[in-house]
Amino acid sequence: MKKILYFLMFFVMSPVFAADKLHVSAMRDFNSVNPEQSFQVMLIEDGVLDDVYMIKGDVLNCTLKKVTDPTRAKRDAKIYFVLDSYTDKKGTHNFEDIMVAKYAEKILSKEEIKKTPPKTIVKKTASTVGNFFVKGFSYGVSFVDGVKENKEDNRLKSGVKQVYDDSFLSLVEYGEEIEIKEGQEFYFVVKKVKNKD
């Protein structure tokens, strides 16, 4: 039993499986349809990467690893970069390990949860609980929400469109390509792949 516990502790605490999250902003435009091979981002918040403490304003120099196309079920394209080096006040420094960064528009953190409007949480909870007890309840909530927001400048059309967007039928649609504008904020979820040696 002790061996199993030691193995689990080693597995959980091993740095190979850890992922760092860095809050960054783009230093130039990037598009998943016609991607460039090199890309640079600036840190918006201090962070630690590869046992190196980096401060706000440091620049990460990246090389494109791969881009995956959008798929059905509204899954957007995905972008992966290899982090080559970082530039700070003392100059440019190469990373000792090979690290891959995945683009993420937002991540689930305490700050992001605080930014979520309470109305969205209440709507999702009411739809889930209501649909569990009364079949079709969530569609009614979606219709009312669509009518209220009136995004289509026609309340009936807005309600019907919202019901479609919230239903399983909309999952046949493809996700979207990723377009990053200069100065846009997002996150890098970074994983160490292996040592360069």
N, C-alpha and C. Protein backbone atom coordinates (compact mmCIF):
# COMPACT_ATOMS: atom_id res chain seq x y z
N MET A 1 0.82 -1.20 0.00
CA MET A 1 0.00 0.00 0.00
C MET A 1 0.87 1.27 0.00
N LYS A 2 1.98 1.21 0.78
CA LYS A 2 2.86 2.37 0.85
C LYS A 2 3.49 2.66 -0.51
N LYS A 3 3.83 1.59 -1.25
CA LYS A 3 4.44 1.77 -2.57
C LYS A 3 3.49 2.51 -3.51
N ILE A 4 2.23 2.16 -3.45
CA ILE A 4 1.23 2.81 -4.30
C ILE A 4 1.11 4.29 -3.94
N LEU A 5 1.08 4.58 -2.63
CA LEU A 5 0.99 5.98 -2.19
C LEU A 5 2.22 6.77 -2.62
N TYR A 6 3.42 6.17 -2.47
CA TYR A 6 4.64 6.86 -2.90
C TYR A 6 4.62 7.12 -4.41
N PHE A 7 4.16 6.13 -5.17
CA PHE A 7 4.08 6.29 -6.62
C PHE A 7 3.12 7.43 -6.99
N LEU A 8 1.96 7.47 -6.34
CA LEU A 8 0.98 8.53 -6.61
C LEU A 8 1.53 9.90 -6.23
N MET A 9 2.21 9.97 -5.09
CA MET A 9 2.81 11.25 -4.66
C MET A 9 3.85 11.70 -5.67
N PHE A 10 4.69 10.77 -6.14
CA PHE A 10 5.72 11.11 -7.12
C PHE A 10 5.08 11.59 -8.41
N PHE A 11 4.02 10.89 -8.84
CA PHE A 11 3.32 11.24 -10.07
C PHE A 11 2.70 12.63 -9.98
N VAL A 12 2.08 12.94 -8.87
CA VAL A 12 1.41 14.22 -8.69
C VAL A 12 2.42 15.36 -8.57
N MET A 13 3.52 15.12 -7.87
CA MET A 13 4.47 16.18 -7.59
C MET A 13 5.56 16.32 -8.66
N SER A 14 5.58 15.45 -9.64
CA SER A 14 6.61 15.50 -10.67
C SER A 14 6.45 16.75 -11.52
N PRO A 15 7.53 17.52 -11.75
CA PRO A 15 7.43 18.76 -12.52
C PRO A 15 7.17 18.53 -14.00
N VAL A 16 7.40 17.32 -14.50
CA VAL A 16 7.19 17.04 -15.92
C VAL A 16 5.72 17.22 -16.28
N PHE A 17 4.83 16.92 -15.34
CA PHE A 17 3.40 16.97 -15.62
C PHE A 17 2.79 18.33 -15.30
N ALA A 18 3.59 19.24 -14.78
CA ALA A 18 3.06 20.54 -14.39
C ALA A 18 2.93 21.44 -15.61
N ALA A 19 1.94 22.30 -15.56
CA ALA A 19 1.75 23.28 -16.63
C ALA A 19 1.72 24.66 -16.00
N ASP A 20 2.48 25.58 -16.59
CA ASP A 20 2.49 26.96 -16.12
C ASP A 20 1.55 27.78 -16.98
N LYS A 21 0.93 28.77 -16.36
CA LYS A 21 0.02 29.66 -17.09
C LYS A 21 0.60 31.05 -17.05
N LEU A 22 0.80 31.64 -18.23
CA LEU A 22 1.36 32.98 -18.33
C LEU A 22 0.34 33.90 -18.99
N HIS A 23 0.11 35.06 -18.38
CA HIS A 23 -0.79 36.07 -18.93
C HIS A 23 0.05 36.98 -19.82
N VAL A 24 -0.26 37.00 -21.11
CA VAL A 24 0.57 37.71 -22.09
C VAL A 24 -0.27 38.57 -23.02
N SER A 25 0.41 39.42 -23.79
CA SER A 25 -0.26 40.17 -24.86
C SER A 25 0.58 40.05 -26.13
N ALA A 26 -0.11 40.05 -27.26
CA ALA A 26 0.56 39.87 -28.55
C ALA A 26 1.31 41.14 -28.95
N MET A 27 2.49 40.96 -29.51
CA MET A 27 3.28 42.10 -29.96
C MET A 27 3.05 42.39 -31.45
N ARG A 28 2.33 41.47 -32.12
CA ARG A 28 1.89 41.70 -33.50
C ARG A 28 0.74 40.76 -33.82
N ASP A 29 0.11 40.96 -34.96
CA ASP A 29 -1.05 40.15 -35.36
C ASP A 29 -0.62 38.71 -35.67
N PHE A 30 -1.57 37.78 -35.46
CA PHE A 30 -1.34 36.37 -35.79
C PHE A 30 -2.68 35.78 -36.19
N ASN A 31 -2.67 34.94 -37.22
CA ASN A 31 -3.89 34.34 -37.73
C ASN A 31 -3.66 32.86 -37.95
N SER A 32 -4.59 32.00 -37.49
CA SER A 32 -4.43 30.55 -37.64
C SER A 32 -4.65 30.08 -39.07
N VAL A 33 -5.24 30.91 -39.93
CA VAL A 33 -5.44 30.54 -41.33
C VAL A 33 -4.13 30.66 -42.10
N ASN A 34 -3.40 31.75 -41.87
CA ASN A 34 -2.14 31.99 -42.56
C ASN A 34 -1.08 32.35 -41.51
N PRO A 35 -0.64 31.35 -40.72
CA PRO A 35 0.24 31.65 -39.59
C PRO A 35 1.69 31.93 -40.01
N GLU A 36 2.33 32.82 -39.27
CA GLU A 36 3.75 33.06 -39.46
C GLU A 36 4.53 32.11 -38.55
N GLN A 37 5.77 31.84 -38.89
CA GLN A 37 6.56 30.87 -38.15
C GLN A 37 7.09 31.41 -36.82
N SER A 38 7.27 32.72 -36.72
CA SER A 38 7.76 33.29 -35.46
C SER A 38 6.71 34.23 -34.87
N PHE A 39 6.74 34.36 -33.53
CA PHE A 39 5.74 35.15 -32.84
C PHE A 39 6.36 35.64 -31.53
N GLN A 40 5.97 36.82 -31.09
CA GLN A 40 6.46 37.37 -29.84
C GLN A 40 5.30 37.86 -28.99
N VAL A 41 5.42 37.61 -27.69
CA VAL A 41 4.41 38.08 -26.73
C VAL A 41 5.12 38.75 -25.57
N MET A 42 4.41 39.65 -24.89
CA MET A 42 4.94 40.34 -23.72
C MET A 42 4.16 39.91 -22.48
N LEU A 43 4.87 39.66 -21.40
CA LEU A 43 4.21 39.28 -20.15
C LEU A 43 3.45 40.47 -19.56
N ILE A 44 2.21 40.21 -19.16
CA ILE A 44 1.38 41.23 -18.52
C ILE A 44 1.50 41.12 -17.01
N GLU A 45 1.75 39.90 -16.53
CA GLU A 45 1.92 39.65 -15.10
C GLU A 45 3.21 38.87 -14.89
N ASP A 46 3.80 39.01 -13.71
CA ASP A 46 5.00 38.25 -13.38
C ASP A 46 4.68 36.76 -13.43
N GLY A 47 5.70 35.96 -13.74
CA GLY A 47 5.50 34.52 -13.81
C GLY A 47 6.80 33.76 -13.68
N VAL A 48 6.69 32.45 -13.45
CA VAL A 48 7.86 31.58 -13.35
C VAL A 48 7.76 30.54 -14.45
N LEU A 49 8.87 30.37 -15.18
CA LEU A 49 8.90 29.41 -16.27
C LEU A 49 10.28 28.79 -16.32
N ASP A 50 10.34 27.47 -16.26
CA ASP A 50 11.61 26.75 -16.31
C ASP A 50 12.53 27.22 -15.18
N ASP A 51 11.96 27.40 -14.00
CA ASP A 51 12.68 27.87 -12.81
C ASP A 51 13.29 29.26 -12.99
N VAL A 52 12.78 30.02 -13.94
CA VAL A 52 13.24 31.39 -14.17
C VAL A 52 12.10 32.33 -13.83
N TYR A 53 12.36 33.28 -12.94
CA TYR A 53 11.35 34.27 -12.57
C TYR A 53 11.37 35.39 -13.60
N MET A 54 10.25 35.60 -14.26
CA MET A 54 10.14 36.65 -15.27
C MET A 54 9.18 37.71 -14.78
N ILE A 55 9.43 38.95 -15.14
CA ILE A 55 8.60 40.04 -14.66
C ILE A 55 7.80 40.65 -15.80
N LYS A 56 6.79 41.38 -15.42
CA LYS A 56 5.93 42.08 -16.37
C LYS A 56 6.80 42.92 -17.32
N GLY A 57 6.55 42.77 -18.62
CA GLY A 57 7.31 43.51 -19.62
C GLY A 57 8.36 42.66 -20.33
N ASP A 58 8.71 41.49 -19.77
CA ASP A 58 9.63 40.59 -20.47
C ASP A 58 8.96 40.05 -21.73
N VAL A 59 9.77 39.72 -22.73
CA VAL A 59 9.25 39.27 -24.02
C VAL A 59 9.61 37.80 -24.24
N LEU A 60 8.62 37.00 -24.66
CA LEU A 60 8.85 35.60 -25.02
C LEU A 60 8.96 35.49 -26.54
N ASN A 61 10.02 34.85 -27.02
CA ASN A 61 10.23 34.63 -28.45
C ASN A 61 9.83 33.19 -28.76
N CYS A 62 8.88 33.02 -29.69
CA CYS A 62 8.28 31.72 -29.96
C CYS A 62 8.42 31.33 -31.42
N THR A 63 8.39 30.00 -31.66
CA THR A 63 8.33 29.44 -33.00
C THR A 63 7.07 28.60 -33.09
N LEU A 64 6.36 28.71 -34.20
CA LEU A 64 5.12 27.95 -34.38
C LEU A 64 5.42 26.45 -34.42
N LYS A 65 4.71 25.68 -33.61
CA LYS A 65 4.86 24.22 -33.62
C LYS A 65 3.80 23.61 -34.52
N LYS A 66 2.51 23.93 -34.26
CA LYS A 66 1.44 23.42 -35.12
C LYS A 66 0.16 24.19 -34.88
N VAL A 67 -0.73 24.12 -35.87
CA VAL A 67 -2.06 24.70 -35.80
C VAL A 67 -3.05 23.60 -36.18
N THR A 68 -4.06 23.38 -35.35
CA THR A 68 -5.10 22.42 -35.71
C THR A 68 -6.33 23.16 -36.22
N ASP A 69 -6.99 22.58 -37.19
CA ASP A 69 -8.17 23.21 -37.79
C ASP A 69 -9.37 23.13 -36.85
N PRO A 70 -10.31 24.06 -37.02
CA PRO A 70 -11.56 23.95 -36.24
C PRO A 70 -12.30 22.68 -36.62
N THR A 71 -13.03 22.11 -35.65
CA THR A 71 -13.79 20.89 -35.91
C THR A 71 -15.26 21.11 -35.53
N ARG A 72 -16.05 20.11 -35.81
CA ARG A 72 -17.46 20.19 -35.43
C ARG A 72 -17.59 20.27 -33.91
N ALA A 73 -18.79 20.45 -33.45
CA ALA A 73 -19.08 20.64 -32.02
C ALA A 73 -18.52 21.97 -31.54
N LYS A 74 -18.39 22.92 -32.47
CA LYS A 74 -17.95 24.28 -32.18
C LYS A 74 -16.57 24.32 -31.52
N ARG A 75 -15.71 23.39 -31.87
CA ARG A 75 -14.34 23.39 -31.33
C ARG A 75 -13.47 24.27 -32.21
N ASP A 76 -12.92 25.32 -31.60
CA ASP A 76 -12.11 26.28 -32.34
C ASP A 76 -10.75 25.69 -32.69
N ALA A 77 -10.04 26.37 -33.58
CA ALA A 77 -8.68 25.99 -33.93
C ALA A 77 -7.81 26.05 -32.68
N LYS A 78 -6.68 25.34 -32.70
CA LYS A 78 -5.74 25.37 -31.58
C LYS A 78 -4.37 25.74 -32.13
N ILE A 79 -3.63 26.52 -31.34
CA ILE A 79 -2.30 26.96 -31.75
C ILE A 79 -1.29 26.56 -30.68
N TYR A 80 -0.18 25.97 -31.11
CA TYR A 80 0.90 25.56 -30.22
C TYR A 80 2.20 26.21 -30.67
N PHE A 81 2.94 26.77 -29.71
CA PHE A 81 4.23 27.39 -29.98
C PHE A 81 5.32 26.71 -29.16
N VAL A 82 6.54 26.71 -29.70
CA VAL A 82 7.72 26.31 -28.92
C VAL A 82 8.36 27.59 -28.41
N LEU A 83 8.61 27.66 -27.11
CA LEU A 83 9.23 28.84 -26.52
C LEU A 83 10.75 28.72 -26.68
N ASP A 84 11.33 29.60 -27.49
CA ASP A 84 12.76 29.54 -27.77
C ASP A 84 13.58 30.28 -26.73
N SER A 85 13.18 31.51 -26.42
CA SER A 85 13.97 32.35 -25.52
C SER A 85 13.09 33.44 -24.93
N TYR A 86 13.66 34.18 -23.99
CA TYR A 86 12.97 35.36 -23.46
C TYR A 86 13.96 36.51 -23.41
N THR A 87 13.43 37.71 -23.53
CA THR A 87 14.25 38.91 -23.52
C THR A 87 13.84 39.78 -22.35
N ASP A 88 14.82 40.17 -21.53
CA ASP A 88 14.58 41.08 -20.42
C ASP A 88 15.58 42.23 -20.50
N LYS A 89 15.72 42.98 -19.44
CA LYS A 89 16.62 44.15 -19.45
C LYS A 89 18.09 43.75 -19.65
N LYS A 90 18.44 42.51 -19.30
CA LYS A 90 19.83 42.06 -19.41
C LYS A 90 20.14 41.44 -20.76
N GLY A 91 19.13 41.26 -21.62
CA GLY A 91 19.36 40.67 -22.94
C GLY A 91 18.46 39.49 -23.21
N THR A 92 18.84 38.69 -24.21
CA THR A 92 18.06 37.52 -24.62
C THR A 92 18.68 36.26 -24.04
N HIS A 93 17.83 35.38 -23.48
CA HIS A 93 18.29 34.16 -22.82
C HIS A 93 17.51 32.97 -23.38
N ASN A 94 18.22 31.92 -23.77
CA ASN A 94 17.57 30.70 -24.26
C ASN A 94 17.09 29.86 -23.08
N PHE A 95 16.00 29.12 -23.29
CA PHE A 95 15.50 28.20 -22.28
C PHE A 95 16.32 26.92 -22.32
N GLU A 96 16.56 26.31 -21.17
CA GLU A 96 17.33 25.08 -21.09
C GLU A 96 16.52 23.88 -21.58
N ASP A 97 15.21 23.92 -21.42
CA ASP A 97 14.34 22.80 -21.80
C ASP A 97 13.45 23.19 -22.97
N ILE A 98 12.92 22.16 -23.63
CA ILE A 98 11.95 22.40 -24.71
C ILE A 98 10.58 22.52 -24.07
N MET A 99 9.95 23.68 -24.30
CA MET A 99 8.64 23.94 -23.72
C MET A 99 7.66 24.33 -24.82
N VAL A 100 6.44 23.78 -24.71
CA VAL A 100 5.39 24.06 -25.69
C VAL A 100 4.29 24.86 -25.00
N ALA A 101 3.89 25.95 -25.65
CA ALA A 101 2.84 26.82 -25.12
C ALA A 101 1.59 26.71 -25.98
N LYS A 102 0.47 26.47 -25.35
CA LYS A 102 -0.81 26.41 -26.05
C LYS A 102 -1.56 27.72 -25.83
N TYR A 103 -2.09 28.29 -26.92
CA TYR A 103 -2.88 29.52 -26.84
C TYR A 103 -4.20 29.23 -26.13
N ALA A 104 -4.56 30.09 -25.18
CA ALA A 104 -5.85 29.99 -24.51
C ALA A 104 -6.41 31.40 -24.34
N GLU A 105 -7.62 31.61 -24.83
CA GLU A 105 -8.23 32.93 -24.73
C GLU A 105 -8.44 33.33 -23.28
N LYS A 106 -8.85 32.36 -22.46
CA LYS A 106 -8.98 32.59 -21.03
C LYS A 106 -8.79 31.27 -20.32
N ILE A 107 -8.49 31.34 -19.04
CA ILE A 107 -8.32 30.13 -18.24
C ILE A 107 -9.21 30.24 -17.02
N LEU A 108 -9.51 29.10 -16.45
CA LEU A 108 -10.37 29.08 -15.27
C LEU A 108 -9.53 29.40 -14.04
N SER A 109 -9.70 30.58 -13.53
CA SER A 109 -8.98 31.00 -12.33
C SER A 109 -9.96 31.78 -11.45
N LYS A 110 -9.53 32.12 -10.26
CA LYS A 110 -10.40 32.87 -9.35
C LYS A 110 -10.80 34.21 -9.97
N GLU A 111 -9.85 34.85 -10.65
CA GLU A 111 -10.13 36.16 -11.27
C GLU A 111 -11.17 36.02 -12.39
N GLU A 112 -11.02 34.97 -13.22
CA GLU A 112 -11.97 34.76 -14.32
C GLU A 112 -13.36 34.42 -13.79
N ILE A 113 -13.41 33.65 -12.71
CA ILE A 113 -14.71 33.30 -12.11
C ILE A 113 -15.38 34.55 -11.57
N LYS A 114 -14.59 35.45 -10.96
CA LYS A 114 -15.15 36.70 -10.44
C LYS A 114 -15.69 37.58 -11.56
N LYS A 115 -15.08 37.49 -12.77
CA LYS A 115 -15.52 38.31 -13.90
C LYS A 115 -16.80 37.78 -14.55
N THR A 116 -17.16 36.50 -14.31
CA THR A 116 -18.34 35.91 -14.92
C THR A 116 -19.59 36.56 -14.33
N PRO A 117 -20.46 37.10 -15.19
CA PRO A 117 -21.66 37.74 -14.67
C PRO A 117 -22.56 36.75 -13.93
N PRO A 118 -23.09 37.14 -12.77
CA PRO A 118 -23.97 36.23 -12.01
C PRO A 118 -25.16 35.75 -12.84
N LYS A 119 -25.63 36.59 -13.76
CA LYS A 119 -26.78 36.22 -14.60
C LYS A 119 -26.48 34.96 -15.40
N THR A 120 -25.26 34.83 -15.92
CA THR A 120 -24.87 33.67 -16.71
C THR A 120 -24.89 32.41 -15.86
N ILE A 121 -24.37 32.51 -14.63
CA ILE A 121 -24.34 31.35 -13.73
C ILE A 121 -25.76 30.94 -13.36
N VAL A 122 -26.61 31.92 -13.04
CA VAL A 122 -28.00 31.63 -12.67
C VAL A 122 -28.74 30.97 -13.83
N LYS A 123 -28.52 31.48 -15.06
CA LYS A 123 -29.19 30.92 -16.24
C LYS A 123 -28.77 29.48 -16.46
N LYS A 124 -27.47 29.19 -16.39
CA LYS A 124 -26.99 27.83 -16.61
C LYS A 124 -27.50 26.88 -15.53
N THR A 125 -27.51 27.35 -14.28
CA THR A 125 -27.99 26.52 -13.18
C THR A 125 -29.48 26.24 -13.32
N ALA A 126 -30.26 27.28 -13.62
CA ALA A 126 -31.71 27.11 -13.78
C ALA A 126 -32.02 26.18 -14.94
N SER A 127 -31.27 26.31 -16.04
CA SER A 127 -31.50 25.46 -17.21
C SER A 127 -31.18 24.01 -16.88
N THR A 128 -30.08 23.78 -16.19
CA THR A 128 -29.67 22.41 -15.87
C THR A 128 -30.66 21.76 -14.91
N VAL A 129 -30.96 22.46 -13.83
CA VAL A 129 -31.88 21.91 -12.83
C VAL A 129 -33.28 21.78 -13.41
N GLY A 130 -33.73 22.81 -14.13
CA GLY A 130 -35.07 22.77 -14.71
C GLY A 130 -35.22 21.67 -15.73
N ASN A 131 -34.19 21.46 -16.56
CA ASN A 131 -34.27 20.43 -17.58
C ASN A 131 -34.25 19.04 -16.96
N PHE A 132 -33.64 18.93 -15.77
CA PHE A 132 -33.61 17.65 -15.08
C PHE A 132 -35.01 17.26 -14.62
N PHE A 133 -35.79 18.24 -14.16
CA PHE A 133 -37.14 17.96 -13.64
C PHE A 133 -38.23 18.10 -14.71
N VAL A 134 -38.10 19.10 -15.57
CA VAL A 134 -39.13 19.35 -16.59
C VAL A 134 -38.45 19.39 -17.95
N LYS A 135 -38.72 18.39 -18.77
CA LYS A 135 -38.07 18.30 -20.08
C LYS A 135 -38.42 19.54 -20.90
N GLY A 136 -37.40 20.18 -21.48
CA GLY A 136 -37.63 21.34 -22.33
C GLY A 136 -37.59 22.66 -21.60
N PHE A 137 -37.41 22.65 -20.28
CA PHE A 137 -37.38 23.89 -19.51
C PHE A 137 -36.25 24.80 -19.97
N SER A 138 -35.07 24.20 -20.25
CA SER A 138 -33.91 25.02 -20.63
C SER A 138 -34.17 25.75 -21.95
N TYR A 139 -34.94 25.16 -22.86
CA TYR A 139 -35.25 25.84 -24.12
C TYR A 139 -36.12 27.07 -23.86
N GLY A 140 -37.00 26.97 -22.89
CA GLY A 140 -37.83 28.13 -22.52
C GLY A 140 -36.98 29.26 -21.96
N VAL A 141 -36.01 28.90 -21.11
CA VAL A 141 -35.11 29.90 -20.54
C VAL A 141 -34.30 30.55 -21.66
N SER A 142 -33.80 29.73 -22.60
CA SER A 142 -33.02 30.26 -23.73
C SER A 142 -33.85 31.20 -24.58
N PHE A 143 -35.12 30.83 -24.84
CA PHE A 143 -35.98 31.66 -25.67
C PHE A 143 -36.21 33.02 -25.00
N VAL A 144 -36.53 33.00 -23.71
CA VAL A 144 -36.77 34.25 -22.98
C VAL A 144 -35.51 35.11 -22.96
N ASP A 145 -34.36 34.48 -22.77
CA ASP A 145 -33.10 35.22 -22.75
C ASP A 145 -32.85 35.86 -24.13
N GLY A 146 -33.11 35.11 -25.20
CA GLY A 146 -32.93 35.65 -26.56
C GLY A 146 -33.86 36.81 -26.84
N VAL A 147 -35.10 36.69 -26.42
CA VAL A 147 -36.08 37.77 -26.61
C VAL A 147 -35.63 39.01 -25.84
N LYS A 148 -35.15 38.81 -24.63
CA LYS A 148 -34.73 39.93 -23.79
C LYS A 148 -33.53 40.66 -24.38
N GLU A 149 -32.51 39.90 -24.85
CA GLU A 149 -31.31 40.53 -25.39
C GLU A 149 -31.53 41.12 -26.79
N ASN A 150 -32.40 40.51 -27.58
CA ASN A 150 -32.81 41.04 -28.90
C ASN A 150 -31.61 41.40 -29.78
N LYS A 151 -30.69 40.45 -29.98
CA LYS A 151 -29.50 40.70 -30.78
C LYS A 151 -29.81 40.82 -32.27
N GLU A 152 -30.91 40.27 -32.72
CA GLU A 152 -31.26 40.26 -34.15
C GLU A 152 -32.21 41.41 -34.53
N ASP A 153 -32.49 42.33 -33.62
CA ASP A 153 -33.46 43.42 -33.82
C ASP A 153 -34.85 42.90 -34.18
N ASN A 154 -35.15 41.70 -33.74
CA ASN A 154 -36.46 41.09 -33.91
C ASN A 154 -36.58 40.10 -32.76
N ARG A 155 -37.46 40.39 -31.83
CA ARG A 155 -37.52 39.61 -30.59
C ARG A 155 -37.81 38.13 -30.83
N LEU A 156 -38.74 37.81 -31.72
CA LEU A 156 -39.08 36.41 -32.00
C LEU A 156 -37.87 35.69 -32.62
N LYS A 157 -37.26 36.33 -33.62
CA LYS A 157 -36.10 35.75 -34.29
C LYS A 157 -34.93 35.57 -33.31
N SER A 158 -34.72 36.55 -32.43
CA SER A 158 -33.65 36.47 -31.43
C SER A 158 -33.89 35.31 -30.47
N GLY A 159 -35.14 35.12 -30.05
CA GLY A 159 -35.48 34.02 -29.15
C GLY A 159 -35.24 32.67 -29.78
N VAL A 160 -35.68 32.51 -31.04
CA VAL A 160 -35.50 31.23 -31.74
C VAL A 160 -34.02 30.95 -31.97
N LYS A 161 -33.26 31.99 -32.35
CA LYS A 161 -31.82 31.81 -32.59
C LYS A 161 -31.10 31.42 -31.30
N GLN A 162 -31.50 32.01 -30.18
CA GLN A 162 -30.87 31.67 -28.90
C GLN A 162 -31.17 30.23 -28.51
N VAL A 163 -32.39 29.77 -28.77
CA VAL A 163 -32.74 28.37 -28.49
C VAL A 163 -31.86 27.44 -29.32
N TYR A 164 -31.68 27.77 -30.61
CA TYR A 164 -30.82 26.95 -31.49
C TYR A 164 -29.38 26.96 -30.99
N ASP A 165 -28.85 28.14 -30.64
CA ASP A 165 -27.45 28.24 -30.20
C ASP A 165 -27.20 27.44 -28.92
N ASP A 166 -28.21 27.35 -28.03
CA ASP A 166 -28.05 26.64 -26.77
C ASP A 166 -28.42 25.15 -26.87
N SER A 167 -28.93 24.72 -28.02
CA SER A 167 -29.37 23.33 -28.16
C SER A 167 -28.24 22.45 -28.70
N PHE A 168 -28.44 21.15 -28.63
CA PHE A 168 -27.46 20.20 -29.14
C PHE A 168 -27.36 20.27 -30.67
N LEU A 169 -28.38 20.81 -31.34
CA LEU A 169 -28.36 20.90 -32.80
C LEU A 169 -27.23 21.80 -33.31
N SER A 170 -26.88 22.80 -32.51
CA SER A 170 -25.83 23.72 -32.94
C SER A 170 -24.45 23.07 -32.92
N LEU A 171 -24.33 21.89 -32.33
CA LEU A 171 -23.04 21.23 -32.25
C LEU A 171 -22.56 20.68 -33.60
N VAL A 172 -23.42 20.69 -34.62
CA VAL A 172 -22.98 20.25 -35.95
C VAL A 172 -22.12 21.32 -36.61
N GLU A 173 -22.16 22.54 -36.08
CA GLU A 173 -21.38 23.63 -36.66
C GLU A 173 -19.90 23.51 -36.29
N TYR A 174 -19.07 24.02 -37.18
CA TYR A 174 -17.62 24.02 -36.91
C TYR A 174 -17.27 25.18 -35.98
N GLY A 175 -16.13 25.03 -35.31
CA GLY A 175 -15.61 26.12 -34.49
C GLY A 175 -15.03 27.20 -35.37
N GLU A 176 -14.31 28.14 -34.77
CA GLU A 176 -13.78 29.28 -35.51
C GLU A 176 -12.27 29.26 -35.58
N GLU A 177 -11.73 29.92 -36.58
CA GLU A 177 -10.29 30.13 -36.66
C GLU A 177 -9.91 31.15 -35.59
N ILE A 178 -8.63 31.20 -35.25
CA ILE A 178 -8.16 32.13 -34.23
C ILE A 178 -7.45 33.29 -34.89
N GLU A 179 -7.85 34.49 -34.51
CA GLU A 179 -7.21 35.70 -35.01
C GLU A 179 -6.79 36.54 -33.82
N ILE A 180 -5.49 36.72 -33.67
CA ILE A 180 -4.94 37.48 -32.55
C ILE A 180 -4.50 38.85 -33.07
N LYS A 181 -4.96 39.88 -32.44
CA LYS A 181 -4.58 41.25 -32.83
C LYS A 181 -3.45 41.76 -31.94
N GLU A 182 -2.65 42.66 -32.45
CA GLU A 182 -1.57 43.26 -31.67
C GLU A 182 -2.14 43.91 -30.42
N GLY A 183 -1.56 43.62 -29.27
CA GLY A 183 -2.02 44.17 -27.99
C GLY A 183 -3.10 43.34 -27.32
N GLN A 184 -3.63 42.32 -28.01
CA GLN A 184 -4.69 41.49 -27.43
C GLN A 184 -4.11 40.65 -26.29
N GLU A 185 -4.86 40.55 -25.18
CA GLU A 185 -4.43 39.75 -24.03
C GLU A 185 -4.98 38.34 -24.13
N PHE A 186 -4.17 37.36 -23.73
CA PHE A 186 -4.58 35.97 -23.68
C PHE A 186 -3.61 35.22 -22.76
N TYR A 187 -3.69 33.90 -22.76
CA TYR A 187 -2.84 33.10 -21.88
C TYR A 187 -2.04 32.08 -22.68
N PHE A 188 -0.86 31.76 -22.18
CA PHE A 188 -0.08 30.64 -22.66
C PHE A 188 -0.12 29.58 -21.56
N VAL A 189 -0.57 28.37 -21.91
CA VAL A 189 -0.49 27.24 -21.00
C VAL A 189 0.74 26.46 -21.44
N VAL A 190 1.78 26.49 -20.61
CA VAL A 190 3.10 25.99 -21.00
C VAL A 190 3.41 24.67 -20.31
N LYS A 191 3.89 23.71 -21.11
CA LYS A 191 4.33 22.41 -20.58
C LYS A 191 5.75 22.14 -21.04
N LYS A 192 6.57 21.66 -20.11
CA LYS A 192 7.92 21.25 -20.48
C LYS A 192 7.83 19.89 -21.14
N VAL A 193 8.40 19.78 -22.35
CA VAL A 193 8.33 18.52 -23.09
C VAL A 193 9.51 17.63 -22.71
N LYS A 194 10.72 18.14 -22.84
CA LYS A 194 11.92 17.37 -22.49
C LYS A 194 13.12 18.30 -22.44
N ASN A 195 14.22 17.76 -21.96
CA ASN A 195 15.46 18.53 -21.93
C ASN A 195 16.03 18.62 -23.34
N LYS A 196 16.75 19.68 -23.64
CA LYS A 196 17.36 19.85 -24.95
C LYS A 196 18.56 18.93 -25.15
N ASP A 197 19.15 18.42 -24.05
CA ASP A 197 20.34 17.57 -24.17
C ASP A 197 20.03 16.27 -24.90
